[in-house]
Amino acid sequence: MWIIQTFVPIILVLSVLAFLVMLPVYFVRRKKNPDDPKITIPRLLLMTVMAATIMTLIMCSGLIAMYIDDIRG
């Protein structure tokens, strides 16, 4: 349970930061190619959440390993 309490806030903070960084990139890409159906806000949100999740798992891999060792006994 502590894993969820630890990871979810980190993922949310990193997602918001990544979204704020990527938002200007979205508008630049949208201006250059307005007809591209791949350039959407939901896709941008999904990519930022996925990137934040991967970064969190990489940064906290030591905590995950310690948790697995504690469960095994």
PDB file of N, CA and C in Angstrom:
ATOM      1  N   MET A   1       0.817  -1.195   0.000  1.00  0.00           N
ATOM      2  CA  MET A   1       0.000   0.000   0.000  1.00  0.00           C
ATOM      3  C   MET A   1       0.862   1.261   0.000  1.00  0.00           C
ATOM      4  N   TRP A   2       2.011   1.196   0.653  1.00  0.00           N
ATOM      5  CA  TRP A   2       2.867   2.381   0.701  1.00  0.00           C
ATOM      6  C   TRP A   2       3.459   2.691  -0.664  1.00  0.00           C
ATOM      7  N   ILE A   3       3.527   1.675  -1.529  1.00  0.00           N
ATOM      8  CA  ILE A   3       4.039   1.923  -2.881  1.00  0.00           C
ATOM      9  C   ILE A   3       3.090   2.869  -3.620  1.00  0.00           C
ATOM     10  N   ILE A   4       1.798   2.621  -3.504  1.00  0.00           N
ATOM     11  CA  ILE A   4       0.823   3.496  -4.168  1.00  0.00           C
ATOM     12  C   ILE A   4       0.883   4.896  -3.571  1.00  0.00           C
ATOM     13  N   GLN A   5       1.003   4.986  -2.263  1.00  0.00           N
ATOM     14  CA  GLN A   5       1.073   6.296  -1.614  1.00  0.00           C
ATOM     15  C   GLN A   5       2.354   7.036  -1.964  1.00  0.00           C
ATOM     16  N   THR A   6       3.385   6.310  -2.326  1.00  0.00           N
ATOM     17  CA  THR A   6       4.651   6.935  -2.694  1.00  0.00           C
ATOM     18  C   THR A   6       4.680   7.313  -4.170  1.00  0.00           C
ATOM     19  N   PHE A   7       4.255   6.394  -5.032  1.00  0.00           N
ATOM     20  CA  PHE A   7       4.408   6.594  -6.465  1.00  0.00           C
ATOM     21  C   PHE A   7       3.378   7.525  -7.086  1.00  0.00           C
ATOM     22  N   VAL A   8       2.149   7.468  -6.638  1.00  0.00           N
ATOM     23  CA  VAL A   8       1.096   8.267  -7.275  1.00  0.00           C
ATOM     24  C   VAL A   8       1.376   9.771  -7.186  1.00  0.00           C
ATOM     25  N   PRO A   9       1.751  10.310  -6.026  1.00  0.00           N
ATOM     26  CA  PRO A   9       2.060  11.755  -6.013  1.00  0.00           C
ATOM     27  C   PRO A   9       3.252  12.121  -6.886  1.00  0.00           C
ATOM     28  N   ILE A  10       4.263  11.257  -6.903  1.00  0.00           N
ATOM     29  CA  ILE A  10       5.433  11.536  -7.745  1.00  0.00           C
ATOM     30  C   ILE A  10       5.038  11.529  -9.211  1.00  0.00           C
ATOM     31  N   ILE A  11       4.249  10.550  -9.616  1.00  0.00           N
ATOM     32  CA  ILE A  11       3.807  10.463 -11.004  1.00  0.00           C
ATOM     33  C   ILE A  11       2.950  11.669 -11.377  1.00  0.00           C
ATOM     34  N   LEU A  12       2.073  12.095 -10.473  1.00  0.00           N
ATOM     35  CA  LEU A  12       1.224  13.255 -10.766  1.00  0.00           C
ATOM     36  C   LEU A  12       2.041  14.534 -10.925  1.00  0.00           C
ATOM     37  N   VAL A  13       3.002  14.735 -10.041  1.00  0.00           N
ATOM     38  CA  VAL A  13       3.839  15.944 -10.127  1.00  0.00           C
ATOM     39  C   VAL A  13       4.668  15.929 -11.408  1.00  0.00           C
ATOM     40  N   LEU A  14       5.282  14.786 -11.710  1.00  0.00           N
ATOM     41  CA  LEU A  14       6.081  14.704 -12.933  1.00  0.00           C
ATOM     42  C   LEU A  14       5.204  14.848 -14.181  1.00  0.00           C
ATOM     43  N   SER A  15       3.988  14.342 -14.134  1.00  0.00           N
ATOM     44  CA  SER A  15       3.085  14.479 -15.276  1.00  0.00           C
ATOM     45  C   SER A  15       2.737  15.939 -15.528  1.00  0.00           C
ATOM     46  N   VAL A  16       2.440  16.661 -14.471  1.00  0.00           N
ATOM     47  CA  VAL A  16       2.108  18.083 -14.628  1.00  0.00           C
ATOM     48  C   VAL A  16       3.310  18.855 -15.154  1.00  0.00           C
ATOM     49  N   LEU A  17       4.488  18.581 -14.615  1.00  0.00           N
ATOM     50  CA  LEU A  17       5.687  19.272 -15.104  1.00  0.00           C
ATOM     51  C   LEU A  17       5.971  18.939 -16.567  1.00  0.00           C
ATOM     52  N   ALA A  18       5.855  17.662 -16.918  1.00  0.00           N
ATOM     53  CA  ALA A  18       6.086  17.270 -18.311  1.00  0.00           C
ATOM     54  C   ALA A  18       5.054  17.897 -19.237  1.00  0.00           C
ATOM     55  N   PHE A  19       3.809  17.963 -18.789  1.00  0.00           N
ATOM     56  CA  PHE A  19       2.767  18.575 -19.616  1.00  0.00           C
ATOM     57  C   PHE A  19       3.055  20.054 -19.838  1.00  0.00           C
ATOM     58  N   LEU A  20       3.478  20.747 -18.786  1.00  0.00           N
ATOM     59  CA  LEU A  20       3.777  22.172 -18.927  1.00  0.00           C
ATOM     60  C   LEU A  20       4.965  22.413 -19.849  1.00  0.00           C
ATOM     61  N   VAL A  21       5.916  21.484 -19.843  1.00  0.00           N
ATOM     62  CA  VAL A  21       7.068  21.618 -20.738  1.00  0.00           C
ATOM     63  C   VAL A  21       6.662  21.304 -22.177  1.00  0.00           C
ATOM     64  N   MET A  22       5.800  20.305 -22.358  1.00  0.00           N
ATOM     65  CA  MET A  22       5.437  19.873 -23.708  1.00  0.00           C
ATOM     66  C   MET A  22       4.335  20.716 -24.351  1.00  0.00           C
ATOM     67  N   LEU A  23       3.619  21.502 -23.584  1.00  0.00           N
ATOM     68  CA  LEU A  23       2.528  22.295 -24.150  1.00  0.00           C
ATOM     69  C   LEU A  23       2.997  23.280 -25.227  1.00  0.00           C
ATOM     70  N   PRO A  24       4.096  24.025 -25.021  1.00  0.00           N
ATOM     71  CA  PRO A  24       4.562  24.884 -26.120  1.00  0.00           C
ATOM     72  C   PRO A  24       4.982  24.091 -27.358  1.00  0.00           C
ATOM     73  N   VAL A  25       5.531  22.903 -27.145  1.00  0.00           N
ATOM     74  CA  VAL A  25       5.905  22.058 -28.279  1.00  0.00           C
ATOM     75  C   VAL A  25       4.659  21.652 -29.063  1.00  0.00           C
ATOM     76  N   TYR A  26       3.590  21.363 -28.348  1.00  0.00           N
ATOM     77  CA  TYR A  26       2.320  21.022 -28.998  1.00  0.00           C
ATOM     78  C   TYR A  26       1.867  22.150 -29.924  1.00  0.00           C
ATOM     79  N   PHE A  27       1.895  23.379 -29.430  1.00  0.00           N
ATOM     80  CA  PHE A  27       1.422  24.503 -30.238  1.00  0.00           C
ATOM     81  C   PHE A  27       2.330  24.773 -31.433  1.00  0.00           C
ATOM     82  N   VAL A  28       3.627  24.576 -31.265  1.00  0.00           N
ATOM     83  CA  VAL A  28       4.553  24.756 -32.389  1.00  0.00           C
ATOM     84  C   VAL A  28       4.287  23.700 -33.455  1.00  0.00           C
ATOM     85  N   ARG A  29       4.139  22.435 -33.026  1.00  0.00           N
ATOM     86  CA  ARG A  29       3.861  21.363 -33.990  1.00  0.00           C
ATOM     87  C   ARG A  29       2.509  21.564 -34.659  1.00  0.00           C
ATOM     88  N   ARG A  30       1.534  22.030 -33.903  1.00  0.00           N
ATOM     89  CA  ARG A  30       0.194  22.261 -34.445  1.00  0.00           C
ATOM     90  C   ARG A  30       0.217  23.384 -35.486  1.00  0.00           C
ATOM     91  N   LYS A  31       1.056  24.396 -35.241  1.00  0.00           N
ATOM     92  CA  LYS A  31       1.152  25.506 -36.183  1.00  0.00           C
ATOM     93  C   LYS A  31       1.849  25.070 -37.473  1.00  0.00           C
ATOM     94  N   LYS A  32       2.882  24.226 -37.340  1.00  0.00           N
ATOM     95  CA  LYS A  32       3.613  23.772 -38.515  1.00  0.00           C
ATOM     96  C   LYS A  32       2.784  22.819 -39.376  1.00  0.00           C
ATOM     97  N   ASN A  33       2.022  21.961 -38.727  1.00  0.00           N
ATOM     98  CA  ASN A  33       1.257  20.955 -39.461  1.00  0.00           C
ATOM     99  C   ASN A  33      -0.150  20.851 -38.865  1.00  0.00           C
ATOM    100  N   PRO A  34      -1.043  21.752 -39.234  1.00  0.00           N
ATOM    101  CA  PRO A  34      -2.375  21.786 -38.603  1.00  0.00           C
ATOM    102  C   PRO A  34      -3.288  20.614 -38.981  1.00  0.00           C
ATOM    103  N   ASP A  35      -2.981  19.903 -40.053  1.00  0.00           N
ATOM    104  CA  ASP A  35      -3.854  18.824 -40.507  1.00  0.00           C
ATOM    105  C   ASP A  35      -3.466  17.451 -39.967  1.00  0.00           C
ATOM    106  N   ASP A  36      -2.414  17.370 -39.198  1.00  0.00           N
ATOM    107  CA  ASP A  36      -1.958  16.075 -38.671  1.00  0.00           C
ATOM    108  C   ASP A  36      -2.904  15.600 -37.564  1.00  0.00           C
ATOM    109  N   PRO A  37      -3.560  14.435 -37.753  1.00  0.00           N
ATOM    110  CA  PRO A  37      -4.502  13.959 -36.732  1.00  0.00           C
ATOM    111  C   PRO A  37      -3.827  13.411 -35.476  1.00  0.00           C
ATOM    112  N   LYS A  38      -2.514  13.206 -35.539  1.00  0.00           N
ATOM    113  CA  LYS A  38      -1.790  12.667 -34.384  1.00  0.00           C
ATOM    114  C   LYS A  38      -1.526  13.732 -33.322  1.00  0.00           C
ATOM    115  N   ILE A  39      -1.613  14.980 -33.665  1.00  0.00           N
ATOM    116  CA  ILE A  39      -1.303  16.069 -32.739  1.00  0.00           C
ATOM    117  C   ILE A  39      -2.583  16.449 -32.000  1.00  0.00           C
ATOM    118  N   THR A  40      -2.801  15.824 -30.830  1.00  0.00           N
ATOM    119  CA  THR A  40      -3.985  16.106 -30.027  1.00  0.00           C
ATOM    120  C   THR A  40      -3.594  16.258 -28.565  1.00  0.00           C
ATOM    121  N   ILE A  41      -4.412  16.962 -27.805  1.00  0.00           N
ATOM    122  CA  ILE A  41      -4.175  17.145 -26.377  1.00  0.00           C
ATOM    123  C   ILE A  41      -4.275  15.817 -25.611  1.00  0.00           C
ATOM    124  N   PRO A  42      -5.280  14.959 -25.880  1.00  0.00           N
ATOM    125  CA  PRO A  42      -5.319  13.679 -25.151  1.00  0.00           C
ATOM    126  C   PRO A  42      -4.077  12.824 -25.377  1.00  0.00           C
ATOM    127  N   ARG A  43      -3.563  12.842 -26.602  1.00  0.00           N
ATOM    128  CA  ARG A  43      -2.337  12.082 -26.865  1.00  0.00           C
ATOM    129  C   ARG A  43      -1.156  12.685 -26.107  1.00  0.00           C
ATOM    130  N   LEU A  44      -1.095  14.008 -26.045  1.00  0.00           N
ATOM    131  CA  LEU A  44      -0.042  14.680 -25.284  1.00  0.00           C
ATOM    132  C   LEU A  44      -0.130  14.309 -23.805  1.00  0.00           C
ATOM    133  N   LEU A  45      -1.346  14.302 -23.258  1.00  0.00           N
ATOM    134  CA  LEU A  45      -1.534  13.918 -21.858  1.00  0.00           C
ATOM    135  C   LEU A  45      -1.104  12.477 -21.612  1.00  0.00           C
ATOM    136  N   LEU A  46      -1.487  11.581 -22.502  1.00  0.00           N
ATOM    137  CA  LEU A  46      -1.117  10.178 -22.356  1.00  0.00           C
ATOM    138  C   LEU A  46       0.393   9.997 -22.402  1.00  0.00           C
ATOM    139  N   MET A  47       1.053  10.682 -23.309  1.00  0.00           N
ATOM    140  CA  MET A  47       2.513  10.558 -23.410  1.00  0.00           C
ATOM    141  C   MET A  47       3.200  11.106 -22.163  1.00  0.00           C
ATOM    142  N   THR A  48       2.705  12.209 -21.613  1.00  0.00           N
ATOM    143  CA  THR A  48       3.345  12.765 -20.424  1.00  0.00           C
ATOM    144  C   THR A  48       3.153  11.852 -19.214  1.00  0.00           C
ATOM    145  N   VAL A  49       1.971  11.240 -19.080  1.00  0.00           N
ATOM    146  CA  VAL A  49       1.741  10.325 -17.962  1.00  0.00           C
ATOM    147  C   VAL A  49       2.609   9.075 -18.116  1.00  0.00           C
ATOM    148  N   MET A  50       2.723   8.559 -19.339  1.00  0.00           N
ATOM    149  CA  MET A  50       3.576   7.386 -19.554  1.00  0.00           C
ATOM    150  C   MET A  50       5.036   7.703 -19.260  1.00  0.00           C
ATOM    151  N   ALA A  51       5.509   8.852 -19.709  1.00  0.00           N
ATOM    152  CA  ALA A  51       6.895   9.239 -19.449  1.00  0.00           C
ATOM    153  C   ALA A  51       7.142   9.427 -17.957  1.00  0.00           C
ATOM    154  N   ALA A  52       6.199  10.038 -17.259  1.00  0.00           N
ATOM    155  CA  ALA A  52       6.348  10.242 -15.820  1.00  0.00           C
ATOM    156  C   ALA A  52       6.344   8.912 -15.073  1.00  0.00           C
ATOM    157  N   THR A  53       5.512   7.978 -15.509  1.00  0.00           N
ATOM    158  CA  THR A  53       5.471   6.660 -14.871  1.00  0.00           C
ATOM    159  C   THR A  53       6.786   5.925 -15.065  1.00  0.00           C
ATOM    160  N   ILE A  54       7.313   5.944 -16.269  1.00  0.00           N
ATOM    161  CA  ILE A  54       8.588   5.267 -16.540  1.00  0.00           C
ATOM    162  C   ILE A  54       9.713   5.903 -15.746  1.00  0.00           C
ATOM    163  N   MET A  55       9.752   7.229 -15.710  1.00  0.00           N
ATOM    164  CA  MET A  55      10.809   7.903 -14.939  1.00  0.00           C
ATOM    165  C   MET A  55      10.692   7.581 -13.450  1.00  0.00           C
ATOM    166  N   THR A  56       9.488   7.527 -12.925  1.00  0.00           N
ATOM    167  CA  THR A  56       9.290   7.214 -11.515  1.00  0.00           C
ATOM    168  C   THR A  56       9.742   5.796 -11.201  1.00  0.00           C
ATOM    169  N   LEU A  57       9.404   4.861 -12.050  1.00  0.00           N
ATOM    170  CA  LEU A  57       9.819   3.475 -11.825  1.00  0.00           C
ATOM    171  C   LEU A  57      11.335   3.326 -11.900  1.00  0.00           C
ATOM    172  N   ILE A  58      11.962   4.037 -12.807  1.00  0.00           N
ATOM    173  CA  ILE A  58      13.424   3.979 -12.898  1.00  0.00           C
ATOM    174  C   ILE A  58      14.065   4.603 -11.664  1.00  0.00           C
ATOM    175  N   MET A  59      13.559   5.766 -11.249  1.00  0.00           N
ATOM    176  CA  MET A  59      14.146   6.449 -10.091  1.00  0.00           C
ATOM    177  C   MET A  59      13.934   5.674  -8.802  1.00  0.00           C
ATOM    178  N   CYS A  60      12.813   4.977  -8.687  1.00  0.00           N
ATOM    179  CA  CYS A  60      12.474   4.298  -7.436  1.00  0.00           C
ATOM    180  C   CYS A  60      12.671   2.788  -7.513  1.00  0.00           C
ATOM    181  N   SER A  61      13.485   2.326  -8.436  1.00  0.00           N
ATOM    182  CA  SER A  61      13.673   0.881  -8.577  1.00  0.00           C
ATOM    183  C   SER A  61      14.296   0.270  -7.324  1.00  0.00           C
ATOM    184  N   GLY A  62      15.112   1.006  -6.614  1.00  0.00           N
ATOM    185  CA  GLY A  62      15.681   0.511  -5.366  1.00  0.00           C
ATOM    186  C   GLY A  62      14.617   0.282  -4.305  1.00  0.00           C
ATOM    187  N   LEU A  63      13.658   1.185  -4.199  1.00  0.00           N
ATOM    188  CA  LEU A  63      12.561   1.002  -3.257  1.00  0.00           C
ATOM    189  C   LEU A  63      11.719  -0.215  -3.612  1.00  0.00           C
ATOM    190  N   ILE A  64      11.514  -0.428  -4.901  1.00  0.00           N
ATOM    191  CA  ILE A  64      10.732  -1.584  -5.333  1.00  0.00           C
ATOM    192  C   ILE A  64      11.466  -2.869  -4.984  1.00  0.00           C
ATOM    193  N   ALA A  65      12.772  -2.901  -5.200  1.00  0.00           N
ATOM    194  CA  ALA A  65      13.557  -4.092  -4.868  1.00  0.00           C
ATOM    195  C   ALA A  65      13.530  -4.367  -3.364  1.00  0.00           C
ATOM    196  N   MET A  66      13.621  -3.333  -2.553  1.00  0.00           N
ATOM    197  CA  MET A  66      13.556  -3.521  -1.108  1.00  0.00           C
ATOM    198  C   MET A  66      12.179  -4.037  -0.697  1.00  0.00           C
ATOM    199  N   TYR A  67      11.125  -3.544  -1.322  1.00  0.00           N
ATOM    200  CA  TYR A  67       9.766  -3.994  -1.010  1.00  0.00           C
ATOM    201  C   TYR A  67       9.593  -5.459  -1.375  1.00  0.00           C
ATOM    202  N   ILE A  68      10.116  -5.875  -2.500  1.00  0.00           N
ATOM    203  CA  ILE A  68      10.016  -7.278  -2.916  1.00  0.00           C
ATOM    204  C   ILE A  68      10.778  -8.168  -1.939  1.00  0.00           C
ATOM    205  N   ASP A  69      11.947  -7.738  -1.487  1.00  0.00           N
ATOM    206  CA  ASP A  69      12.710  -8.514  -0.500  1.00  0.00           C
ATOM    207  C   ASP A  69      11.961  -8.636   0.819  1.00  0.00           C
ATOM    208  N   ASP A  70      11.287  -7.560   1.227  1.00  0.00           N
ATOM    209  CA  ASP A  70      10.516  -7.609   2.478  1.00  0.00           C
ATOM    210  C   ASP A  70       9.343  -8.564   2.364  1.00  0.00           C
ATOM    211  N   ILE A  71       8.719  -8.628   1.210  1.00  0.00           N
ATOM    212  CA  ILE A  71       7.576  -9.539   1.033  1.00  0.00           C
ATOM    213  C   ILE A  71       8.031 -10.987   1.069  1.00  0.00           C
ATOM    214  N   ARG A  72       9.172 -11.265   0.441  1.00  0.00           N
ATOM    215  CA  ARG A  72       9.673 -12.640   0.397  1.00  0.00           C
ATOM    216  C   ARG A  72      10.109 -13.140   1.765  1.00  0.00           C
ATOM    217  N   GLY A  73      10.461 -12.232   2.621  1.00  0.00           N
ATOM    218  CA  GLY A  73      10.806 -12.628   3.980  1.00  0.00           C
ATOM    219  C   GLY A  73      12.244 -12.647   4.168  1.00  0.00           C
TER     220      GLY A  73
END
